[in-house]
């Protein structure tokens, strides 16, 4: 039986916290970018804060919003600073 993860997306200013079922079955990624439904192409960037492996929940905190390309570049730069050797927490 495949296990699915629940992603909790938190701390975005002026937006409620969101809980969504992940389409991926592997371990959650360190960073996550997603397109917001209520805007024209703006993307939210999130950073993984903690994982609960027993209930398959990953909690992400908001980092910034903006042009999809810029958000992705900023998140990758952040990940490089946090895990410079390519390892994950």
C-alpha atoms as a PDB file:
ATOM      1  CA  UNK A   1       0.000   0.000   0.000  1.00  0.00           C
ATOM      2  CA  UNK A   2       1.410   3.400  -0.992  1.00  0.00           C
ATOM      3  CA  UNK A   3       1.568   6.090   1.653  1.00  0.00           C
ATOM      4  CA  UNK A   4       0.597   9.632   0.678  1.00  0.00           C
ATOM      5  CA  UNK A   5       1.826  12.728   2.483  1.00  0.00           C
ATOM      6  CA  UNK A   6      -0.219  15.649   3.761  1.00  0.00           C
ATOM      7  CA  UNK A   7       1.478  19.011   3.247  1.00  0.00           C
ATOM      8  CA  UNK A   8       0.628  21.830   5.670  1.00  0.00           C
ATOM      9  CA  UNK A   9       1.526  25.191   4.128  1.00  0.00           C
ATOM     10  CA  UNK A  10       1.771  27.889   6.808  1.00  0.00           C
ATOM     11  CA  UNK A  11       2.691  31.490   7.559  1.00  0.00           C
ATOM     12  CA  UNK A  12       1.758  33.159   4.253  1.00  0.00           C
ATOM     13  CA  UNK A  13       0.702  36.756   5.016  1.00  0.00           C
ATOM     14  CA  UNK A  14      -2.975  37.534   4.369  1.00  0.00           C
ATOM     15  CA  UNK A  15      -3.776  33.876   3.594  1.00  0.00           C
ATOM     16  CA  UNK A  16      -5.071  31.077   5.763  1.00  0.00           C
ATOM     17  CA  UNK A  17      -2.928  28.003   6.343  1.00  0.00           C
ATOM     18  CA  UNK A  18      -3.535  25.321   3.711  1.00  0.00           C
ATOM     19  CA  UNK A  19      -3.492  21.547   4.056  1.00  0.00           C
ATOM     20  CA  UNK A  20      -3.222  19.530   0.861  1.00  0.00           C
ATOM     21  CA  UNK A  21      -2.703  15.898  -0.071  1.00  0.00           C
ATOM     22  CA  UNK A  22       0.577  15.463  -1.914  1.00  0.00           C
ATOM     23  CA  UNK A  23       0.587  13.707  -5.272  1.00  0.00           C
ATOM     24  CA  UNK A  24       4.058  12.355  -4.512  1.00  0.00           C
ATOM     25  CA  UNK A  25       4.556   9.225  -2.465  1.00  0.00           C
ATOM     26  CA  UNK A  26       8.269   9.655  -1.647  1.00  0.00           C
ATOM     27  CA  UNK A  27       9.841  11.715   1.113  1.00  0.00           C
ATOM     28  CA  UNK A  28       8.790  15.395   0.988  1.00  0.00           C
ATOM     29  CA  UNK A  29      11.214  17.825  -0.640  1.00  0.00           C
ATOM     30  CA  UNK A  30      13.148  20.463   1.325  1.00  0.00           C
ATOM     31  CA  UNK A  31      11.601  23.273  -0.704  1.00  0.00           C
ATOM     32  CA  UNK A  32       8.247  23.594  -2.425  1.00  0.00           C
ATOM     33  CA  UNK A  33       6.958  26.112  -4.958  1.00  0.00           C
ATOM     34  CA  UNK A  34       3.282  26.209  -5.890  1.00  0.00           C
ATOM     35  CA  UNK A  35       1.006  28.308  -8.061  1.00  0.00           C
ATOM     36  CA  UNK A  36      -1.663  30.202  -6.151  1.00  0.00           C
ATOM     37  CA  UNK A  37      -5.194  29.915  -7.496  1.00  0.00           C
ATOM     38  CA  UNK A  38      -6.127  33.515  -6.715  1.00  0.00           C
ATOM     39  CA  UNK A  39      -3.396  35.246  -8.708  1.00  0.00           C
ATOM     40  CA  UNK A  40      -2.039  35.577 -12.225  1.00  0.00           C
ATOM     41  CA  UNK A  41       0.951  33.268 -12.294  1.00  0.00           C
ATOM     42  CA  UNK A  42       2.290  34.189  -8.866  1.00  0.00           C
ATOM     43  CA  UNK A  43       3.932  31.351  -7.023  1.00  0.00           C
ATOM     44  CA  UNK A  44       4.442  30.794  -3.317  1.00  0.00           C
ATOM     45  CA  UNK A  45       7.748  29.451  -2.074  1.00  0.00           C
ATOM     46  CA  UNK A  46       7.847  27.250   1.036  1.00  0.00           C
ATOM     47  CA  UNK A  47      10.644  25.714   3.112  1.00  0.00           C
ATOM     48  CA  UNK A  48      10.251  22.402   4.947  1.00  0.00           C
ATOM     49  CA  UNK A  49      10.151  22.958   8.728  1.00  0.00           C
ATOM     50  CA  UNK A  50       9.505  19.460  10.068  1.00  0.00           C
ATOM     51  CA  UNK A  51       8.168  16.025   9.180  1.00  0.00           C
ATOM     52  CA  UNK A  52       5.951  13.669  11.192  1.00  0.00           C
ATOM     53  CA  UNK A  53       6.651  10.253   9.677  1.00  0.00           C
ATOM     54  CA  UNK A  54       4.021   8.467  11.755  1.00  0.00           C
ATOM     55  CA  UNK A  55       1.102  10.446  10.337  1.00  0.00           C
ATOM     56  CA  UNK A  56       2.857  11.307   7.034  1.00  0.00           C
ATOM     57  CA  UNK A  57       2.623  15.061   7.468  1.00  0.00           C
ATOM     58  CA  UNK A  58       5.147  17.625   6.236  1.00  0.00           C
ATOM     59  CA  UNK A  59       4.935  21.194   7.554  1.00  0.00           C
ATOM     60  CA  UNK A  60       6.219  24.004   5.336  1.00  0.00           C
ATOM     61  CA  UNK A  61       6.644  27.702   6.168  1.00  0.00           C
ATOM     62  CA  UNK A  62       6.111  30.429   3.587  1.00  0.00           C
ATOM     63  CA  UNK A  63       9.201  32.209   2.278  1.00  0.00           C
ATOM     64  CA  UNK A  64       8.027  34.609  -0.432  1.00  0.00           C
ATOM     65  CA  UNK A  65       5.715  35.127  -3.370  1.00  0.00           C
ATOM     66  CA  UNK A  66       6.335  36.529  -6.806  1.00  0.00           C
ATOM     67  CA  UNK A  67       7.376  35.590 -10.298  1.00  0.00           C
ATOM     68  CA  UNK A  68       7.686  31.776 -10.533  1.00  0.00           C
ATOM     69  CA  UNK A  69      11.247  31.927 -11.887  1.00  0.00           C
ATOM     70  CA  UNK A  70      12.465  34.290  -9.157  1.00  0.00           C
ATOM     71  CA  UNK A  71      10.805  32.306  -6.358  1.00  0.00           C
ATOM     72  CA  UNK A  72      12.376  29.084  -7.623  1.00  0.00           C
ATOM     73  CA  UNK A  73      15.835  30.694  -7.875  1.00  0.00           C
ATOM     74  CA  UNK A  74      15.552  32.131  -4.348  1.00  0.00           C
ATOM     75  CA  UNK A  75      14.423  28.814  -2.881  1.00  0.00           C
ATOM     76  CA  UNK A  76      17.252  26.928  -4.573  1.00  0.00           C
ATOM     77  CA  UNK A  77      19.733  29.486  -3.264  1.00  0.00           C
ATOM     78  CA  UNK A  78      18.278  29.069   0.231  1.00  0.00           C
ATOM     79  CA  UNK A  79      18.548  25.279  -0.013  1.00  0.00           C
ATOM     80  CA  UNK A  80      22.176  25.563  -1.131  1.00  0.00           C
ATOM     81  CA  UNK A  81      22.949  27.640   1.974  1.00  0.00           C
ATOM     82  CA  UNK A  82      21.105  25.262   4.322  1.00  0.00           C
ATOM     83  CA  UNK A  83      22.471  22.021   2.811  1.00  0.00           C
ATOM     84  CA  UNK A  84      25.658  23.000   0.946  1.00  0.00           C
ATOM     85  CA  UNK A  85      26.879  19.410   0.592  1.00  0.00           C
ATOM     86  CA  UNK A  86      23.618  18.197  -0.950  1.00  0.00           C
ATOM     87  CA  UNK A  87      22.503  16.305   2.143  1.00  0.00           C
ATOM     88  CA  UNK A  88      19.022  16.640   3.614  1.00  0.00           C
ATOM     89  CA  UNK A  89      17.923  16.948   7.186  1.00  0.00           C
END
